[in-house]
Every structure is written in C-alpha cells, then in structure tokens.
Amino acid sequence: QSQLVESGGGLVQTGGSLTLSCTISASSLRSYHIGWFRQAPGKEREGISCISNSGSTLYQEDDVKGRFTISRDYAKNTVTLQMNNLKPEDTGVYFCAARSTIFPIRGVCNDARAWNYWGQGTQVTVSS
C-alpha cells in the first residue's frame, strides 16, 4: 500500500514563502495523480492544486493562482507545492493525496472523496 508523507510546513509572515513536499513510498509516482488539500480550523477540506501523473497541472484554486505552483520530481518520487506571497487565509493543515491512474482525474481534483490515499498533514500558519 502506498504511503504519503508531507513536509515543509511552518510559521511564516504575510508575504512569505514555504515549500511543501509530498513523498510517496512503496509505489511509483507515475501510478498516481497527486493533489494538495487544505483544511482550515472549523472548515471542510478544500482542494488547492492537482497534478496529473504525466506532470500536467489540472487544477488550481482561484485564490492561489499566480502564487502557488505544483510540480513533481519523478526521480525523488516527490510532488512539491511552492507557496509564495502567503496570506493569513492560507493558514491550515495541508494534506497531499493520491489517486490511482486507473481512475479518471478530470473534474474531481477538488473533491476529497475521490482520492484513495492521504498523508498525515503538515501545518501552515501565516501570521498577519
């Protein structure tokens, strides 16, 4: 069974940057589409960004467009979410998720129910 491990969260001031990493083990990264989700206190988990197994960015939440970039490194079995110009409303626990390529991905990037595997999450806090 595949496992996902997030890293890179922390505390940053408004306007700062963080780089989140999601490493998948026990399987090839090419077998999965990868998504990043955020869960703010008291809110539902929401989709932030999603990348296909072939490296195409399929979805970006409107508020992060131009600020966040998703990419994948096949050699390291890692997907990275580069977050720039962070805002207090970006605060939350960030999760990466994997969806097997045997299932279609288009149209479900921001639907948490569609994802097969989840990491444990990493906290991102943006101070004002």
C-alpha atoms as a PDB file:
ATOM      1  CA  GLN A   1       0.000   0.000   0.000  1.00  0.00           C
ATOM      2  CA  SER A   2       1.292   3.432  -0.901  1.00  0.00           C
ATOM      3  CA  GLN A   3       2.147   5.921   1.800  1.00  0.00           C
ATOM      4  CA  LEU A   4       2.391   9.670   1.521  1.00  0.00           C
ATOM      5  CA  VAL A   5       4.464  11.882   3.789  1.00  0.00           C
ATOM      6  CA  GLU A   6       4.197  15.669   3.785  1.00  0.00           C
ATOM      7  CA  SER A   7       6.903  18.006   4.983  1.00  0.00           C
ATOM      8  CA  GLY A   8       7.786  21.682   4.845  1.00  0.00           C
ATOM      9  CA  GLY A   9       5.057  23.341   6.867  1.00  0.00           C
ATOM     10  CA  GLY A  10       5.741  26.015   9.443  1.00  0.00           C
ATOM     11  CA  LEU A  11       5.097  29.564  10.603  1.00  0.00           C
ATOM     12  CA  VAL A  12       5.660  32.409   8.181  1.00  0.00           C
ATOM     13  CA  GLN A  13       4.714  36.070   7.973  1.00  0.00           C
ATOM     14  CA  THR A  14       2.326  37.511   5.420  1.00  0.00           C
ATOM     15  CA  GLY A  15       4.054  37.745   2.074  1.00  0.00           C
ATOM     16  CA  GLY A  16       6.488  34.970   2.876  1.00  0.00           C
ATOM     17  CA  SER A  17       7.041  31.648   1.149  1.00  0.00           C
ATOM     18  CA  LEU A  18       7.006  27.975   2.027  1.00  0.00           C
ATOM     19  CA  THR A  19       7.723  24.836   0.046  1.00  0.00           C
ATOM     20  CA  LEU A  20       5.677  21.763   0.865  1.00  0.00           C
ATOM     21  CA  SER A  21       6.802  18.333  -0.248  1.00  0.00           C
ATOM     22  CA  CYS A  22       4.836  15.117  -0.605  1.00  0.00           C
ATOM     23  CA  THR A  23       6.863  11.942  -0.913  1.00  0.00           C
ATOM     24  CA  ILE A  24       5.152   8.739  -1.964  1.00  0.00           C
ATOM     25  CA  SER A  25       6.650   5.435  -0.963  1.00  0.00           C
ATOM     26  CA  ALA A  26       6.101   1.812  -1.862  1.00  0.00           C
ATOM     27  CA  SER A  27       4.996   2.670  -5.361  1.00  0.00           C
ATOM     28  CA  SER A  28       5.922   4.660  -8.427  1.00  0.00           C
ATOM     29  CA  LEU A  29       4.811   8.247  -8.565  1.00  0.00           C
ATOM     30  CA  ARG A  30       3.820   7.639 -12.184  1.00  0.00           C
ATOM     31  CA  SER A  31       0.987   5.413 -10.971  1.00  0.00           C
ATOM     32  CA  TYR A  32      -0.803   8.278  -9.255  1.00  0.00           C
ATOM     33  CA  HIS A  33      -2.248  11.712  -9.751  1.00  0.00           C
ATOM     34  CA  ILE A  34      -1.433  13.921  -6.762  1.00  0.00           C
ATOM     35  CA  GLY A  35      -3.496  16.608  -5.119  1.00  0.00           C
ATOM     36  CA  TRP A  36      -2.953  19.129  -2.341  1.00  0.00           C
ATOM     37  CA  PHE A  37      -5.776  19.995   0.028  1.00  0.00           C
ATOM     38  CA  ARG A  38      -6.067  22.493   2.864  1.00  0.00           C
ATOM     39  CA  GLN A  39      -8.206  22.278   5.961  1.00  0.00           C
ATOM     40  CA  ALA A  40      -8.637  25.453   7.968  1.00  0.00           C
ATOM     41  CA  PRO A  41      -9.947  25.318  11.543  1.00  0.00           C
ATOM     42  CA  GLY A  42     -13.679  24.643  11.554  1.00  0.00           C
ATOM     43  CA  LYS A  43     -13.848  24.249   7.785  1.00  0.00           C
ATOM     44  CA  GLU A  44     -14.054  21.386   5.348  1.00  0.00           C
ATOM     45  CA  ARG A  45     -11.042  20.129   3.485  1.00  0.00           C
ATOM     46  CA  GLU A  46     -10.727  22.006   0.189  1.00  0.00           C
ATOM     47  CA  GLY A  47      -8.746  21.269  -2.939  1.00  0.00           C
ATOM     48  CA  ILE A  48      -5.833  23.622  -3.632  1.00  0.00           C
ATOM     49  CA  SER A  49      -3.998  22.123  -6.574  1.00  0.00           C
ATOM     50  CA  CYS A  50      -3.791  18.898  -8.534  1.00  0.00           C
ATOM     51  CA  ILE A  51      -1.235  17.452 -10.938  1.00  0.00           C
ATOM     52  CA  SER A  52      -1.606  14.502 -13.260  1.00  0.00           C
ATOM     53  CA  ASN A  53       0.719  11.501 -13.337  1.00  0.00           C
ATOM     54  CA  SER A  54       2.248  12.931 -16.520  1.00  0.00           C
ATOM     55  CA  GLY A  55       3.020  16.280 -14.894  1.00  0.00           C
ATOM     56  CA  SER A  56       0.158  18.464 -16.119  1.00  0.00           C
ATOM     57  CA  THR A  57      -1.370  20.893 -13.658  1.00  0.00           C
ATOM     58  CA  LEU A  58      -5.071  20.116 -13.781  1.00  0.00           C
ATOM     59  CA  TYR A  59      -6.487  22.386 -11.101  1.00  0.00           C
ATOM     60  CA  GLN A  60      -5.605  25.459  -9.083  1.00  0.00           C
ATOM     61  CA  GLU A  61      -7.975  27.022  -6.596  1.00  0.00           C
ATOM     62  CA  ASP A  62      -8.754  30.567  -7.758  1.00  0.00           C
ATOM     63  CA  ASP A  63      -7.164  32.323  -4.802  1.00  0.00           C
ATOM     64  CA  VAL A  64      -3.817  30.561  -5.192  1.00  0.00           C
ATOM     65  CA  LYS A  65      -3.402  31.093  -8.920  1.00  0.00           C
ATOM     66  CA  GLY A  66      -0.242  33.080  -9.529  1.00  0.00           C
ATOM     67  CA  ARG A  67       1.008  32.381  -6.016  1.00  0.00           C
ATOM     68  CA  PHE A  68       1.250  28.573  -5.721  1.00  0.00           C
ATOM     69  CA  THR A  69       2.976  26.195  -8.116  1.00  0.00           C
ATOM     70  CA  ILE A  70       2.695  22.425  -8.123  1.00  0.00           C
ATOM     71  CA  SER A  71       5.391  20.248  -9.659  1.00  0.00           C
ATOM     72  CA  ARG A  72       6.657  16.702  -9.478  1.00  0.00           C
ATOM     73  CA  ASP A  73      10.109  15.096  -9.395  1.00  0.00           C
ATOM     74  CA  TYR A  74       9.931  11.510 -10.601  1.00  0.00           C
ATOM     75  CA  ALA A  75      13.476  10.698  -9.535  1.00  0.00           C
ATOM     76  CA  LYS A  76      12.673  11.659  -5.952  1.00  0.00           C
ATOM     77  CA  ASN A  77       9.084  10.340  -6.008  1.00  0.00           C
ATOM     78  CA  THR A  78       8.028  13.751  -4.732  1.00  0.00           C
ATOM     79  CA  VAL A  79       5.424  16.374  -5.524  1.00  0.00           C
ATOM     80  CA  THR A  80       6.154  19.928  -4.415  1.00  0.00           C
ATOM     81  CA  LEU A  81       3.806  22.801  -3.690  1.00  0.00           C
ATOM     82  CA  GLN A  82       5.682  26.083  -3.841  1.00  0.00           C
ATOM     83  CA  MET A  83       3.702  28.738  -1.985  1.00  0.00           C
ATOM     84  CA  ASN A  84       4.627  32.401  -2.444  1.00  0.00           C
ATOM     85  CA  ASN A  85       3.092  35.643  -1.229  1.00  0.00           C
ATOM     86  CA  LEU A  86       1.303  33.811   1.566  1.00  0.00           C
ATOM     87  CA  LYS A  87      -1.755  35.323   3.215  1.00  0.00           C
ATOM     88  CA  PRO A  88      -3.294  34.685   6.660  1.00  0.00           C
ATOM     89  CA  GLU A  89      -6.208  32.932   4.943  1.00  0.00           C
ATOM     90  CA  ASP A  90      -3.761  30.318   3.641  1.00  0.00           C
ATOM     91  CA  THR A  91      -3.426  29.052   7.214  1.00  0.00           C
ATOM     92  CA  GLY A  92      -4.440  25.449   7.767  1.00  0.00           C
ATOM     93  CA  VAL A  93      -3.321  21.858   7.672  1.00  0.00           C
ATOM     94  CA  TYR A  94      -2.137  20.883   4.218  1.00  0.00           C
ATOM     95  CA  PHE A  95      -2.619  17.320   3.035  1.00  0.00           C
ATOM     96  CA  CYS A  96      -1.394  15.603  -0.069  1.00  0.00           C
ATOM     97  CA  ALA A  97      -3.478  12.865  -1.617  1.00  0.00           C
ATOM     98  CA  ALA A  98      -3.013  10.260  -4.314  1.00  0.00           C
ATOM     99  CA  ARG A  99      -5.493   8.922  -6.838  1.00  0.00           C
ATOM    100  CA  SER A 100      -4.639   5.874  -8.889  1.00  0.00           C
ATOM    101  CA  THR A 101      -4.339   6.389 -12.635  1.00  0.00           C
ATOM    102  CA  ILE A 102      -6.822   3.572 -13.193  1.00  0.00           C
ATOM    103  CA  PHE A 103      -9.474   6.136 -12.274  1.00  0.00           C
ATOM    104  CA  PRO A 104     -10.229   9.310 -14.251  1.00  0.00           C
ATOM    105  CA  ILE A 105      -8.960  12.529 -12.716  1.00  0.00           C
ATOM    106  CA  ARG A 106     -10.536  15.363 -14.641  1.00  0.00           C
ATOM    107  CA  GLY A 107     -13.379  17.010 -12.791  1.00  0.00           C
ATOM    108  CA  VAL A 108     -12.578  15.507  -9.385  1.00  0.00           C
ATOM    109  CA  CYS A 109      -9.387  17.303  -8.373  1.00  0.00           C
ATOM    110  CA  ASN A 110     -11.126  19.342  -5.675  1.00  0.00           C
ATOM    111  CA  ASP A 111     -13.367  16.513  -4.424  1.00  0.00           C
ATOM    112  CA  ALA A 112     -11.753  14.995  -1.334  1.00  0.00           C
ATOM    113  CA  ARG A 113     -13.961  11.908  -1.643  1.00  0.00           C
ATOM    114  CA  ALA A 114     -12.284  10.974  -4.920  1.00  0.00           C
ATOM    115  CA  TRP A 115      -8.806  10.400  -3.512  1.00  0.00           C
ATOM    116  CA  ASN A 116      -7.506   6.995  -2.486  1.00  0.00           C
ATOM    117  CA  TYR A 117      -4.598   7.746  -0.159  1.00  0.00           C
ATOM    118  CA  TRP A 118      -3.779  10.593   2.213  1.00  0.00           C
ATOM    119  CA  GLY A 119      -0.789  11.859   4.103  1.00  0.00           C
ATOM    120  CA  GLN A 120      -0.882  12.876   7.751  1.00  0.00           C
ATOM    121  CA  GLY A 121      -0.853  16.603   7.005  1.00  0.00           C
ATOM    122  CA  THR A 122       1.512  19.465   7.739  1.00  0.00           C
ATOM    123  CA  GLN A 123       0.578  22.702   9.495  1.00  0.00           C
ATOM    124  CA  VAL A 124       0.992  26.023   7.724  1.00  0.00           C
ATOM    125  CA  THR A 125       0.451  29.176   9.751  1.00  0.00           C
ATOM    126  CA  VAL A 126       0.648  32.631   8.196  1.00  0.00           C
ATOM    127  CA  SER A 127       0.794  35.495  10.660  1.00  0.00           C
ATOM    128  CA  SER A 128      -0.533  38.950   9.844  1.00  0.00           C
END
